[in-house]
Amino acid sequence: MTTNNETAGVATDKDLSDLLPSPERREEGPYAVCECHQEIPCNPCVTSCPTGAITQDTINSTPDIDFDQCVGCRECVTACPGLACFVIDETYSEQKALVNIPYEFLPLPEKGESVTGLDREGNEVTEVQVKRVDDRESLNGSNVITIVVPKDKVHRIRNIKI
């Protein structure tokens, strides 16, 4: 995939739009997005998916998601060593969506805390609210933070700053 900065490896909006389910599927509930745009030997998202929704042609291929099988369970988020998997729920409310992000910094944010949402390059986007914090002791990998995000920024925000 072409990125807007080959050195930084940041995907373009076009690259990312190719990874999303149809607008109709996005209205049905949570779905995973694997923002892998480099072909490297990796498959934890595939092996962790309990429904078999995530597949690869080879271990070097970028993952494919069958959105009809994806239930938004977040297993891929916690399993991905590249912190490239996210689960999005655009049905949360009329104006807001939920974004589940991997988070490997300390301290962990607190539920209900207002934090700054960051884009893929680390730029501040907007204030978001922490809805849920699942720490790695209760999971098999990375911490997973669920944040409440304005719908118009749901595909931009991929990290937070406390």
N, C-alpha and C. Protein backbone atom coordinates (compact mmCIF):
# COMPACT_ATOMS: atom_id res chain seq x y z
N MET A 1 0.82 -1.19 0.00
CA MET A 1 0.00 0.00 0.00
C MET A 1 0.86 1.24 0.00
N THR A 2 0.39 2.26 -0.61
CA THR A 2 1.08 3.53 -0.61
C THR A 2 0.74 4.27 0.67
N THR A 3 1.76 4.84 1.31
CA THR A 3 1.53 5.62 2.51
C THR A 3 1.84 7.07 2.23
N ASN A 4 1.34 7.96 3.08
CA ASN A 4 1.61 9.37 2.89
C ASN A 4 3.00 9.74 3.36
N ASN A 5 3.69 8.85 4.01
CA ASN A 5 5.06 9.07 4.43
C ASN A 5 5.71 7.70 4.56
N GLU A 6 6.46 7.29 3.54
CA GLU A 6 7.06 5.95 3.54
C GLU A 6 7.94 5.72 4.75
N THR A 7 8.61 6.74 5.24
CA THR A 7 9.47 6.57 6.41
C THR A 7 8.64 6.30 7.66
N ALA A 8 7.56 7.03 7.83
CA ALA A 8 6.72 6.86 9.02
C ALA A 8 5.78 5.68 8.89
N GLY A 9 5.47 5.26 7.67
CA GLY A 9 4.56 4.14 7.47
C GLY A 9 3.12 4.45 7.81
N VAL A 10 2.70 5.68 7.63
CA VAL A 10 1.34 6.09 7.95
C VAL A 10 0.48 5.94 6.71
N ALA A 11 -0.58 5.18 6.84
CA ALA A 11 -1.46 4.90 5.71
C ALA A 11 -2.29 6.12 5.32
N THR A 12 -2.65 6.19 4.05
CA THR A 12 -3.52 7.26 3.56
C THR A 12 -4.97 6.93 3.88
N ASP A 13 -5.84 7.91 3.74
CA ASP A 13 -7.28 7.69 3.94
C ASP A 13 -7.79 6.63 2.97
N LYS A 14 -7.28 6.62 1.75
CA LYS A 14 -7.69 5.62 0.75
C LYS A 14 -7.29 4.22 1.21
N ASP A 15 -6.06 4.07 1.70
CA ASP A 15 -5.62 2.77 2.21
C ASP A 15 -6.57 2.28 3.30
N LEU A 16 -6.94 3.17 4.19
CA LEU A 16 -7.78 2.79 5.32
C LEU A 16 -9.22 2.52 4.91
N SER A 17 -9.74 3.27 3.94
CA SER A 17 -11.12 3.04 3.51
C SER A 17 -11.29 1.65 2.89
N ASP A 18 -10.21 1.12 2.32
CA ASP A 18 -10.26 -0.23 1.75
C ASP A 18 -10.40 -1.32 2.82
N LEU A 19 -10.11 -0.98 4.07
CA LEU A 19 -10.16 -1.95 5.17
C LEU A 19 -11.51 -2.00 5.88
N LEU A 20 -12.38 -1.04 5.59
CA LEU A 20 -13.64 -0.91 6.33
C LEU A 20 -14.76 -1.76 5.72
N PRO A 21 -15.69 -2.19 6.56
CA PRO A 21 -16.87 -2.89 6.04
C PRO A 21 -17.79 -1.91 5.32
N SER A 22 -18.81 -2.43 4.70
CA SER A 22 -19.80 -1.60 4.01
C SER A 22 -20.50 -0.70 5.03
N PRO A 23 -21.06 0.42 4.56
CA PRO A 23 -21.83 1.28 5.48
C PRO A 23 -22.96 0.52 6.17
N GLU A 24 -23.59 -0.41 5.48
CA GLU A 24 -24.68 -1.19 6.08
C GLU A 24 -24.16 -2.05 7.23
N ARG A 25 -23.01 -2.69 7.04
CA ARG A 25 -22.43 -3.53 8.10
C ARG A 25 -22.00 -2.68 9.29
N ARG A 26 -21.50 -1.48 9.02
CA ARG A 26 -21.06 -0.59 10.10
C ARG A 26 -22.23 -0.17 10.99
N GLU A 27 -23.45 -0.25 10.49
CA GLU A 27 -24.64 0.09 11.28
C GLU A 27 -25.18 -1.10 12.07
N GLU A 28 -24.57 -2.27 11.93
CA GLU A 28 -25.06 -3.48 12.61
C GLU A 28 -24.39 -3.76 13.95
N GLY A 29 -23.29 -3.10 14.25
CA GLY A 29 -22.60 -3.36 15.51
C GLY A 29 -21.10 -3.37 15.34
N PRO A 30 -20.39 -3.79 16.40
CA PRO A 30 -18.93 -3.70 16.39
C PRO A 30 -18.28 -4.56 15.31
N TYR A 31 -17.14 -4.06 14.83
CA TYR A 31 -16.36 -4.76 13.80
C TYR A 31 -14.88 -4.46 14.02
N ALA A 32 -14.06 -5.40 13.62
CA ALA A 32 -12.61 -5.25 13.73
C ALA A 32 -12.05 -4.58 12.49
N VAL A 33 -10.96 -3.87 12.69
CA VAL A 33 -10.19 -3.30 11.60
C VAL A 33 -8.73 -3.63 11.89
N CYS A 34 -8.07 -4.28 10.94
CA CYS A 34 -6.63 -4.57 11.06
C CYS A 34 -5.89 -3.64 10.11
N GLU A 35 -5.23 -2.64 10.68
CA GLU A 35 -4.56 -1.63 9.87
C GLU A 35 -3.13 -2.04 9.55
N CYS A 36 -2.98 -3.23 9.03
CA CYS A 36 -1.68 -3.73 8.59
C CYS A 36 -1.51 -3.35 7.12
N HIS A 37 -0.49 -2.61 6.82
CA HIS A 37 -0.26 -2.28 5.43
C HIS A 37 1.13 -2.68 4.96
N GLN A 38 1.80 -3.50 5.74
CA GLN A 38 3.09 -4.06 5.34
C GLN A 38 2.99 -5.57 5.40
N GLU A 39 3.57 -6.21 4.43
CA GLU A 39 3.55 -7.67 4.41
C GLU A 39 4.75 -8.19 5.20
N ILE A 40 4.46 -8.63 6.42
CA ILE A 40 5.47 -9.18 7.32
C ILE A 40 4.95 -10.50 7.88
N PRO A 41 5.84 -11.40 8.28
CA PRO A 41 5.37 -12.67 8.84
C PRO A 41 4.74 -12.48 10.22
N CYS A 42 3.42 -12.54 10.27
CA CYS A 42 2.69 -12.30 11.51
C CYS A 42 1.29 -12.88 11.34
N ASN A 43 0.73 -13.50 12.38
CA ASN A 43 -0.64 -14.00 12.29
C ASN A 43 -1.40 -14.12 13.62
N PRO A 44 -1.00 -13.45 14.70
CA PRO A 44 -1.76 -13.57 15.95
C PRO A 44 -3.22 -13.15 15.83
N CYS A 45 -3.54 -12.20 14.97
CA CYS A 45 -4.94 -11.82 14.80
C CYS A 45 -5.74 -12.99 14.24
N VAL A 46 -5.13 -13.74 13.34
CA VAL A 46 -5.81 -14.90 12.73
C VAL A 46 -6.01 -16.00 13.77
N THR A 47 -4.96 -16.33 14.50
CA THR A 47 -5.05 -17.44 15.46
C THR A 47 -5.90 -17.10 16.68
N SER A 48 -6.05 -15.81 16.99
CA SER A 48 -6.84 -15.43 18.17
C SER A 48 -8.33 -15.27 17.86
N CYS A 49 -8.70 -15.17 16.59
CA CYS A 49 -10.10 -14.89 16.24
C CYS A 49 -10.96 -16.13 16.46
N PRO A 50 -11.90 -16.08 17.42
CA PRO A 50 -12.70 -17.26 17.75
C PRO A 50 -13.73 -17.64 16.68
N THR A 51 -14.06 -16.71 15.79
CA THR A 51 -15.08 -17.01 14.77
C THR A 51 -14.46 -17.32 13.40
N GLY A 52 -13.13 -17.20 13.27
CA GLY A 52 -12.49 -17.42 11.99
C GLY A 52 -12.72 -16.30 10.99
N ALA A 53 -13.10 -15.12 11.49
CA ALA A 53 -13.39 -13.99 10.61
C ALA A 53 -12.13 -13.41 9.98
N ILE A 54 -10.98 -13.56 10.64
CA ILE A 54 -9.73 -13.00 10.12
C ILE A 54 -8.92 -14.13 9.49
N THR A 55 -8.53 -13.92 8.24
CA THR A 55 -7.76 -14.92 7.50
C THR A 55 -6.60 -14.24 6.78
N GLN A 56 -5.67 -15.07 6.33
CA GLN A 56 -4.54 -14.62 5.51
C GLN A 56 -4.28 -15.67 4.45
N ASP A 57 -3.83 -15.23 3.27
CA ASP A 57 -3.44 -16.18 2.23
C ASP A 57 -2.16 -16.90 2.62
N THR A 58 -1.18 -16.15 3.15
CA THR A 58 0.07 -16.71 3.67
C THR A 58 0.41 -15.96 4.95
N ILE A 59 1.39 -16.44 5.68
CA ILE A 59 1.77 -15.76 6.93
C ILE A 59 2.33 -14.38 6.66
N ASN A 60 2.78 -14.10 5.44
CA ASN A 60 3.30 -12.78 5.08
C ASN A 60 2.22 -11.84 4.54
N SER A 61 1.04 -12.36 4.28
CA SER A 61 -0.04 -11.54 3.72
C SER A 61 -0.65 -10.63 4.77
N THR A 62 -1.23 -9.53 4.31
CA THR A 62 -2.00 -8.70 5.23
C THR A 62 -3.32 -9.41 5.51
N PRO A 63 -3.87 -9.24 6.70
CA PRO A 63 -5.10 -9.96 7.06
C PRO A 63 -6.33 -9.46 6.30
N ASP A 64 -7.25 -10.39 6.07
CA ASP A 64 -8.57 -10.08 5.50
C ASP A 64 -9.60 -10.39 6.57
N ILE A 65 -10.67 -9.58 6.61
CA ILE A 65 -11.72 -9.79 7.60
C ILE A 65 -13.04 -10.05 6.89
N ASP A 66 -13.69 -11.13 7.26
CA ASP A 66 -15.04 -11.42 6.80
C ASP A 66 -15.97 -10.76 7.83
N PHE A 67 -16.49 -9.60 7.47
CA PHE A 67 -17.29 -8.82 8.42
C PHE A 67 -18.61 -9.47 8.77
N ASP A 68 -19.06 -10.44 7.96
CA ASP A 68 -20.27 -11.18 8.32
C ASP A 68 -20.00 -12.13 9.48
N GLN A 69 -18.74 -12.55 9.66
CA GLN A 69 -18.38 -13.44 10.75
C GLN A 69 -17.85 -12.70 11.98
N CYS A 70 -17.36 -11.47 11.80
CA CYS A 70 -16.76 -10.71 12.90
C CYS A 70 -17.84 -10.28 13.89
N VAL A 71 -17.59 -10.55 15.18
CA VAL A 71 -18.55 -10.17 16.23
C VAL A 71 -18.00 -9.03 17.11
N GLY A 72 -16.82 -8.52 16.77
CA GLY A 72 -16.25 -7.42 17.55
C GLY A 72 -15.80 -7.81 18.94
N CYS A 73 -15.28 -9.02 19.11
CA CYS A 73 -14.94 -9.53 20.44
C CYS A 73 -13.68 -8.91 21.04
N ARG A 74 -12.83 -8.28 20.26
CA ARG A 74 -11.61 -7.60 20.69
C ARG A 74 -10.42 -8.52 20.91
N GLU A 75 -10.55 -9.80 20.62
CA GLU A 75 -9.42 -10.71 20.79
C GLU A 75 -8.23 -10.31 19.92
N CYS A 76 -8.50 -9.84 18.71
CA CYS A 76 -7.42 -9.42 17.81
C CYS A 76 -6.70 -8.19 18.35
N VAL A 77 -7.43 -7.30 19.02
CA VAL A 77 -6.83 -6.08 19.57
C VAL A 77 -5.77 -6.43 20.59
N THR A 78 -6.08 -7.32 21.49
CA THR A 78 -5.14 -7.67 22.55
C THR A 78 -4.01 -8.56 22.04
N ALA A 79 -4.24 -9.31 20.96
CA ALA A 79 -3.24 -10.25 20.45
C ALA A 79 -2.21 -9.64 19.51
N CYS A 80 -2.54 -8.55 18.84
CA CYS A 80 -1.68 -7.99 17.79
C CYS A 80 -0.41 -7.36 18.37
N PRO A 81 0.77 -7.91 18.04
CA PRO A 81 2.01 -7.34 18.55
C PRO A 81 2.35 -5.99 17.90
N GLY A 82 1.76 -5.70 16.76
CA GLY A 82 2.01 -4.44 16.08
C GLY A 82 1.05 -3.33 16.46
N LEU A 83 0.12 -3.60 17.39
CA LEU A 83 -0.87 -2.63 17.85
C LEU A 83 -1.66 -2.07 16.67
N ALA A 84 -1.98 -2.94 15.70
CA ALA A 84 -2.63 -2.51 14.46
C ALA A 84 -4.09 -2.92 14.35
N CYS A 85 -4.62 -3.62 15.36
CA CYS A 85 -6.02 -4.05 15.32
C CYS A 85 -6.85 -3.20 16.28
N PHE A 86 -8.05 -2.85 15.82
CA PHE A 86 -8.97 -2.02 16.57
C PHE A 86 -10.37 -2.58 16.39
N VAL A 87 -11.24 -2.37 17.35
CA VAL A 87 -12.65 -2.72 17.18
C VAL A 87 -13.45 -1.44 17.34
N ILE A 88 -14.32 -1.21 16.38
CA ILE A 88 -15.11 0.02 16.31
C ILE A 88 -16.59 -0.34 16.39
N ASP A 89 -17.33 0.47 17.15
CA ASP A 89 -18.78 0.30 17.23
C ASP A 89 -19.44 1.64 16.97
N GLU A 90 -19.93 1.79 15.74
CA GLU A 90 -20.56 3.05 15.34
C GLU A 90 -22.02 3.12 15.75
N THR A 91 -22.53 2.11 16.46
CA THR A 91 -23.92 2.09 16.89
C THR A 91 -24.09 2.57 18.33
N TYR A 92 -23.04 3.04 18.96
CA TYR A 92 -23.07 3.45 20.36
C TYR A 92 -24.13 4.51 20.63
N SER A 93 -24.15 5.57 19.83
CA SER A 93 -25.18 6.61 19.96
C SER A 93 -25.28 7.36 18.64
N GLU A 94 -26.18 8.30 18.58
CA GLU A 94 -26.39 9.08 17.36
C GLU A 94 -25.14 9.88 16.96
N GLN A 95 -24.46 10.44 17.96
CA GLN A 95 -23.32 11.34 17.72
C GLN A 95 -21.96 10.72 18.00
N LYS A 96 -21.93 9.62 18.76
CA LYS A 96 -20.66 9.07 19.25
C LYS A 96 -20.51 7.60 18.87
N ALA A 97 -19.25 7.17 18.81
CA ALA A 97 -18.92 5.78 18.54
C ALA A 97 -17.90 5.31 19.58
N LEU A 98 -17.74 4.00 19.69
CA LEU A 98 -16.73 3.43 20.57
C LEU A 98 -15.56 2.95 19.72
N VAL A 99 -14.35 3.20 20.21
CA VAL A 99 -13.15 2.68 19.57
C VAL A 99 -12.36 1.95 20.65
N ASN A 100 -12.06 0.67 20.39
CA ASN A 100 -11.25 -0.14 21.30
C ASN A 100 -9.84 -0.14 20.76
N ILE A 101 -8.91 0.37 21.58
CA ILE A 101 -7.53 0.51 21.14
C ILE A 101 -6.60 -0.30 22.04
N PRO A 102 -5.50 -0.82 21.47
CA PRO A 102 -4.48 -1.42 22.33
C PRO A 102 -3.72 -0.29 23.01
N TYR A 103 -3.30 -0.52 24.24
CA TYR A 103 -2.63 0.55 24.99
C TYR A 103 -1.55 -0.06 25.86
N GLU A 104 -0.29 0.32 25.65
CA GLU A 104 0.81 -0.29 26.38
C GLU A 104 1.61 0.68 27.24
N PHE A 105 0.98 1.79 27.62
CA PHE A 105 1.65 2.77 28.46
C PHE A 105 1.12 2.69 29.89
N LEU A 106 1.91 3.21 30.82
CA LEU A 106 1.47 3.36 32.21
C LEU A 106 1.64 4.82 32.58
N PRO A 107 0.79 5.34 33.41
CA PRO A 107 -0.33 4.66 34.04
C PRO A 107 -1.48 4.48 33.06
N LEU A 108 -2.32 3.51 33.38
CA LEU A 108 -3.54 3.33 32.60
C LEU A 108 -4.51 4.44 32.95
N PRO A 109 -5.32 4.85 31.98
CA PRO A 109 -6.35 5.85 32.31
C PRO A 109 -7.43 5.23 33.18
N GLU A 110 -8.25 6.07 33.77
CA GLU A 110 -9.35 5.61 34.60
C GLU A 110 -10.66 5.68 33.81
N LYS A 111 -11.56 4.76 34.08
CA LYS A 111 -12.89 4.80 33.48
C LYS A 111 -13.53 6.15 33.79
N GLY A 112 -14.12 6.79 32.77
CA GLY A 112 -14.76 8.08 32.93
C GLY A 112 -13.83 9.27 32.72
N GLU A 113 -12.53 9.01 32.66
CA GLU A 113 -11.56 10.09 32.50
C GLU A 113 -11.63 10.70 31.10
N SER A 114 -11.44 12.01 31.03
CA SER A 114 -11.34 12.70 29.74
C SER A 114 -9.87 12.74 29.36
N VAL A 115 -9.56 12.28 28.15
CA VAL A 115 -8.19 12.22 27.65
C VAL A 115 -8.16 12.79 26.23
N THR A 116 -6.97 13.01 25.71
CA THR A 116 -6.82 13.55 24.36
C THR A 116 -6.70 12.41 23.37
N GLY A 117 -7.56 12.40 22.35
CA GLY A 117 -7.48 11.42 21.28
C GLY A 117 -6.42 11.84 20.28
N LEU A 118 -5.58 10.88 19.89
CA LEU A 118 -4.48 11.13 18.95
C LEU A 118 -4.71 10.39 17.64
N ASP A 119 -4.19 10.95 16.54
CA ASP A 119 -4.28 10.26 15.26
C ASP A 119 -3.08 9.31 15.11
N ARG A 120 -2.93 8.69 13.96
CA ARG A 120 -1.89 7.69 13.72
C ARG A 120 -0.48 8.26 13.81
N GLU A 121 -0.36 9.57 13.62
CA GLU A 121 0.96 10.22 13.69
C GLU A 121 1.24 10.83 15.05
N GLY A 122 0.28 10.70 15.99
CA GLY A 122 0.45 11.25 17.33
C GLY A 122 -0.03 12.67 17.48
N ASN A 123 -0.72 13.19 16.46
CA ASN A 123 -1.27 14.54 16.54
C ASN A 123 -2.55 14.54 17.36
N GLU A 124 -2.74 15.59 18.17
CA GLU A 124 -3.95 15.72 18.97
C GLU A 124 -5.13 15.99 18.05
N VAL A 125 -6.25 15.28 18.28
CA VAL A 125 -7.43 15.42 17.45
C VAL A 125 -8.57 16.07 18.24
N THR A 126 -8.95 15.47 19.36
CA THR A 126 -10.05 15.99 20.17
C THR A 126 -10.06 15.29 21.52
N GLU A 127 -10.80 15.83 22.44
CA GLU A 127 -10.97 15.18 23.73
C GLU A 127 -11.94 14.01 23.58
N VAL A 128 -11.62 12.90 24.24
CA VAL A 128 -12.46 11.71 24.23
C VAL A 128 -12.63 11.23 25.67
N GLN A 129 -13.61 10.37 25.90
CA GLN A 129 -13.85 9.86 27.24
C GLN A 129 -13.53 8.37 27.30
N VAL A 130 -12.88 7.96 28.37
CA VAL A 130 -12.57 6.54 28.58
C VAL A 130 -13.83 5.85 29.09
N LYS A 131 -14.29 4.87 28.35
CA LYS A 131 -15.51 4.12 28.70
C LYS A 131 -15.16 2.86 29.51
N ARG A 132 -14.04 2.23 29.16
CA ARG A 132 -13.70 0.94 29.76
C ARG A 132 -12.18 0.76 29.72
N VAL A 133 -11.63 0.10 30.74
CA VAL A 133 -10.20 -0.21 30.78
C VAL A 133 -10.06 -1.69 31.12
N ASP A 134 -9.50 -2.45 30.19
CA ASP A 134 -9.21 -3.86 30.43
C ASP A 134 -7.70 -4.01 30.47
N ASP A 135 -7.18 -4.36 31.65
CA ASP A 135 -5.72 -4.46 31.75
C ASP A 135 -5.23 -5.84 31.35
N ARG A 136 -3.95 -5.88 31.04
CA ARG A 136 -3.35 -7.11 30.50
C ARG A 136 -3.46 -8.30 31.44
N GLU A 137 -3.61 -8.07 32.75
CA GLU A 137 -3.77 -9.20 33.67
C GLU A 137 -5.07 -9.96 33.39
N SER A 138 -6.08 -9.26 32.90
CA SER A 138 -7.36 -9.92 32.61
C SER A 138 -7.43 -10.39 31.15
N LEU A 139 -6.39 -10.08 30.37
CA LEU A 139 -6.36 -10.43 28.96
C LEU A 139 -5.14 -11.30 28.65
N ASN A 140 -4.99 -11.68 27.41
CA ASN A 140 -3.84 -12.47 26.97
C ASN A 140 -2.79 -11.64 26.25
N GLY A 141 -2.81 -10.34 26.37
CA GLY A 141 -1.86 -9.52 25.63
C GLY A 141 -1.90 -8.09 26.08
N SER A 142 -2.05 -7.17 25.14
CA SER A 142 -2.05 -5.74 25.43
C SER A 142 -3.29 -5.32 26.23
N ASN A 143 -3.14 -4.22 26.97
CA ASN A 143 -4.30 -3.59 27.59
C ASN A 143 -5.21 -3.11 26.46
N VAL A 144 -6.50 -3.07 26.72
CA VAL A 144 -7.46 -2.55 25.74
C VAL A 144 -8.26 -1.45 26.42
N ILE A 145 -8.22 -0.27 25.80
CA ILE A 145 -8.95 0.88 26.30
C ILE A 145 -10.09 1.16 25.33
N THR A 146 -11.30 1.29 25.85
CA THR A 146 -12.46 1.65 25.03
C THR A 146 -12.73 3.12 25.26
N ILE A 147 -12.74 3.88 24.15
CA ILE A 147 -12.96 5.32 24.24
C ILE A 147 -14.21 5.71 23.46
N VAL A 148 -14.87 6.77 23.94
CA VAL A 148 -16.05 7.33 23.28
C VAL A 148 -15.55 8.48 22.41
N VAL A 149 -15.83 8.38 21.11
CA VAL A 149 -15.26 9.28 20.11
C VAL A 149 -16.38 9.90 19.27
N PRO A 150 -16.28 11.19 18.91
CA PRO A 150 -17.26 11.74 17.96
C PRO A 150 -17.24 10.93 16.66
N LYS A 151 -18.41 10.64 16.12
CA LYS A 151 -18.49 9.78 14.93
C LYS A 151 -17.66 10.28 13.76
N ASP A 152 -17.53 11.59 13.61
CA ASP A 152 -16.77 12.10 12.48
C ASP A 152 -15.26 11.91 12.64
N LYS A 153 -14.83 11.42 13.80
CA LYS A 153 -13.40 11.19 14.05
C LYS A 153 -13.08 9.73 14.35
N VAL A 154 -14.07 8.86 14.19
CA VAL A 154 -13.94 7.46 14.58
C VAL A 154 -12.83 6.72 13.81
N HIS A 155 -12.57 7.14 12.60
CA HIS A 155 -11.52 6.46 11.81
C HIS A 155 -10.20 7.22 11.81
N ARG A 156 -10.12 8.26 12.64
CA ARG A 156 -8.86 9.00 12.79
C ARG A 156 -8.16 8.69 14.09
N ILE A 157 -8.91 8.57 15.17
CA ILE A 157 -8.30 8.43 16.49
C ILE A 157 -7.86 6.98 16.72
N ARG A 158 -6.57 6.82 17.03
CA ARG A 158 -6.02 5.48 17.23
C ARG A 158 -5.16 5.36 18.48
N ASN A 159 -5.09 6.41 19.29
CA ASN A 159 -4.36 6.36 20.55
C ASN A 159 -4.86 7.49 21.44
N ILE A 160 -4.36 7.53 22.66
CA ILE A 160 -4.74 8.58 23.58
C ILE A 160 -3.52 9.11 24.30
N LYS A 161 -3.68 10.32 24.83
CA LYS A 161 -2.66 10.93 25.70
C LYS A 161 -3.39 11.33 26.97
N ILE A 162 -2.84 10.86 28.09
CA ILE A 162 -3.43 11.19 29.39
C ILE A 162 -2.94 12.55 29.84
